[in-house]
Amino acid sequence: MKDAEVLSKVRIFLREEGVIIPKGPIKEFYSQLIKLSGFGIGGLLVFSGKKAGKMAGAYIKNIAGEINPTIEKVVPYVSAFLEETGICKVEEYNVSNSHILFRVRDSIFAQGVENKKPVCMPLSGAMAGVFEEVTGKEWDCKEIECQAQGKERCVFEIRLKY
């Protein structure tokens, strides 16, 4: 699913620009935030994720070496970023011009959380933000299944807004 050149470029970027943070404290912080916050914080988490996603989108355009890379070229980079940073493990993705579906496991946001609704709002926002930055168009991302709901995986549907 991921070619060696994509992984190499992402790993070099992360070594030069990234920082390693233990997942345990992040998972615990997010778990407590979800438990204590109740309703109303979702929009802020999506907004924050979208801003981070736009930053990642600018980096992806840079390492892809193109001003306007295709969605098909960007998706493997997004997948590699998610896995190499430890945010989640991408099981599968499907791409069309206006629709992208990601199936992932072990989202850092869903680990240690039980909820009736999907909880990976920062990741939803980040995915939308990446594709907005890369394409210059508006995208919406919705988590339609979440491991925090007891599902096998988290599923994200990313659609081009018309």
Protein backbone atom coordinates (compact mmCIF):
# COMPACT_ATOMS: atom_id res chain seq x y z
CA MET A 1 0.00 0.00 0.00
CA LYS A 2 2.87 2.37 0.76
CA ASP A 3 5.92 2.57 -1.43
CA ALA A 4 9.42 2.92 -0.02
CA GLU A 5 9.95 6.43 -1.40
CA VAL A 6 6.83 7.80 0.32
CA LEU A 7 7.84 6.26 3.66
CA SER A 8 11.41 7.48 3.29
CA LYS A 9 10.34 11.08 2.62
CA VAL A 10 7.88 11.07 5.53
CA ARG A 11 10.46 9.56 7.93
CA ILE A 12 13.09 12.12 6.92
CA PHE A 13 10.59 14.93 7.40
CA LEU A 14 9.53 13.64 10.82
CA ARG A 15 13.14 13.27 11.98
CA GLU A 16 13.94 16.82 10.88
CA GLU A 17 10.70 18.55 11.86
CA GLY A 18 9.02 16.32 14.44
CA VAL A 19 9.30 15.56 18.11
CA ILE A 20 8.65 12.29 19.90
CA ILE A 21 6.00 12.47 22.61
CA PRO A 22 4.96 9.38 24.58
CA LYS A 23 1.45 8.25 23.60
CA GLY A 24 0.41 7.30 27.14
CA PRO A 25 0.07 10.85 28.50
CA ILE A 26 -1.64 12.04 25.32
CA LYS A 27 -4.19 9.21 25.44
CA GLU A 28 -4.86 9.81 29.14
CA PHE A 29 -5.26 13.58 28.65
CA TYR A 30 -7.65 13.13 25.74
CA SER A 31 -9.62 10.42 27.54
CA GLN A 32 -10.12 12.68 30.55
CA LEU A 33 -10.95 15.65 28.34
CA ILE A 34 -13.72 13.69 26.62
CA LYS A 35 -15.09 12.39 29.96
CA LEU A 36 -15.12 15.78 31.65
CA SER A 37 -16.07 18.06 28.79
CA GLY A 38 -19.47 16.79 27.76
CA PHE A 39 -21.02 18.45 24.76
CA GLY A 40 -19.79 21.57 23.02
CA ILE A 41 -16.09 20.83 22.74
CA GLY A 42 -16.39 18.85 19.51
CA GLY A 43 -16.33 21.94 17.30
CA LEU A 44 -13.18 23.23 18.98
CA LEU A 45 -11.46 19.84 18.57
CA VAL A 46 -12.41 19.67 14.86
CA PHE A 47 -11.25 23.26 14.33
CA SER A 48 -7.91 22.59 16.04
CA GLY A 49 -7.47 19.41 14.05
CA LYS A 50 -8.24 21.23 10.81
CA LYS A 51 -5.57 23.86 11.52
CA ALA A 52 -3.03 21.10 12.21
CA GLY A 53 -4.15 19.28 9.07
CA LYS A 54 -3.60 22.37 6.95
CA MET A 55 -0.06 22.63 8.31
CA ALA A 56 0.50 18.95 7.47
CA GLY A 57 -0.97 19.53 4.01
CA ALA A 58 1.59 22.26 3.34
CA TYR A 59 4.38 19.89 4.42
CA ILE A 60 2.97 17.09 2.25
CA LYS A 61 2.89 19.36 -0.80
CA ASN A 62 6.52 20.22 -0.07
CA ILE A 63 7.74 16.64 0.29
CA ALA A 64 5.62 15.47 -2.65
CA GLY A 65 7.54 18.02 -4.69
CA GLU A 66 4.45 19.36 -6.46
CA ILE A 67 2.37 22.50 -6.10
CA ASN A 68 -0.88 20.69 -6.92
CA PRO A 69 -0.38 16.96 -6.28
CA THR A 70 -3.26 14.63 -7.09
CA ILE A 71 -5.41 13.16 -4.33
CA GLU A 72 -4.11 9.73 -5.33
CA LYS A 73 -0.56 10.94 -4.64
CA VAL A 74 -1.47 12.67 -1.36
CA VAL A 75 -3.38 9.81 0.29
CA PRO A 76 -0.31 7.55 0.72
CA TYR A 77 1.54 10.47 2.36
CA VAL A 78 -1.38 11.07 4.74
CA SER A 79 -1.45 7.36 5.53
CA ALA A 80 2.31 7.31 6.19
CA PHE A 81 2.07 10.41 8.43
CA LEU A 82 -0.73 8.85 10.50
CA GLU A 83 1.20 5.61 11.00
CA GLU A 84 4.70 7.02 11.45
CA THR A 85 3.52 9.53 14.06
CA GLY A 86 1.62 6.81 15.94
CA ILE A 87 -1.76 8.54 15.57
CA CYS A 88 -3.35 5.38 14.15
CA LYS A 89 -2.72 2.36 11.95
CA VAL A 90 -4.24 2.67 8.50
CA GLU A 91 -5.80 -0.62 7.43
CA GLU A 92 -7.19 0.54 4.13
CA TYR A 93 -8.15 3.56 2.10
CA ASN A 94 -10.26 4.05 -1.02
CA VAL A 95 -10.00 7.11 -3.24
CA SER A 96 -12.17 8.77 -5.86
CA ASN A 97 -12.08 12.38 -7.07
CA SER A 98 -14.53 13.71 -4.48
CA HIS A 99 -14.62 10.96 -1.85
CA ILE A 100 -11.98 9.27 0.34
CA LEU A 101 -12.61 6.54 2.89
CA PHE A 102 -10.01 5.68 5.56
CA ARG A 103 -10.33 2.60 7.76
CA VAL A 104 -7.95 2.78 10.73
CA ARG A 105 -7.24 0.99 14.00
CA ASP A 106 -5.85 2.12 17.31
CA SER A 107 -6.56 5.84 16.96
CA ILE A 108 -4.77 7.61 19.77
CA PHE A 109 -8.03 9.49 20.41
CA ALA A 110 -10.20 6.38 20.80
CA GLN A 111 -7.86 4.34 22.99
CA GLY A 112 -9.05 4.15 26.57
CA VAL A 113 -12.34 5.89 25.75
CA GLU A 114 -15.83 4.44 25.72
CA ASN A 115 -18.53 6.57 24.17
CA LYS A 116 -21.80 6.26 22.30
CA LYS A 117 -20.57 8.64 19.60
CA PRO A 118 -17.30 8.79 17.64
CA VAL A 119 -14.59 10.67 19.54
CA CYS A 120 -11.75 11.20 17.03
CA MET A 121 -12.78 14.79 16.25
CA PRO A 122 -9.22 16.15 15.99
CA LEU A 123 -8.37 13.45 13.46
CA SER A 124 -11.53 14.19 11.43
CA GLY A 125 -10.60 17.86 11.34
CA ALA A 126 -7.00 17.09 10.43
CA MET A 127 -7.99 14.92 7.49
CA ALA A 128 -10.30 17.60 6.13
CA GLY A 129 -7.59 20.23 6.66
CA VAL A 130 -4.92 18.25 4.78
CA PHE A 131 -7.07 17.89 1.69
CA GLU A 132 -8.25 21.51 1.86
CA GLU A 133 -4.64 22.72 1.93
CA VAL A 134 -3.56 20.42 -0.88
CA THR A 135 -6.50 21.06 -3.24
CA GLY A 136 -7.53 24.61 -2.32
CA LYS A 137 -11.12 23.33 -2.03
CA GLU A 138 -13.37 22.72 0.98
CA TRP A 139 -13.58 19.17 2.35
CA ASP A 140 -15.67 17.68 5.12
CA CYS A 141 -14.66 14.65 7.15
CA LYS A 142 -17.02 12.60 9.26
CA GLU A 143 -16.10 9.69 11.48
CA ILE A 144 -18.83 7.15 10.78
CA GLU A 145 -17.52 4.39 13.09
CA CYS A 146 -15.23 4.58 16.12
CA GLN A 147 -13.41 2.05 18.26
CA ALA A 148 -14.57 4.06 21.29
CA GLN A 149 -18.08 2.86 20.34
CA GLY A 150 -16.90 -0.74 20.55
CA LYS A 151 -16.43 -1.01 16.77
CA GLU A 152 -13.52 -2.95 15.23
CA ARG A 153 -12.02 0.16 13.66
CA CYS A 154 -12.53 3.85 13.10
CA VAL A 155 -13.89 4.77 9.67
CA PHE A 156 -13.56 8.26 8.24
CA GLU A 157 -15.45 9.53 5.23
CA ILE A 158 -13.91 12.58 3.58
CA ARG A 159 -16.00 14.36 0.94
CA LEU A 160 -15.46 17.36 -1.26
CA LYS A 161 -17.95 20.10 -0.42
CA TYR A 162 -19.83 21.47 -3.41
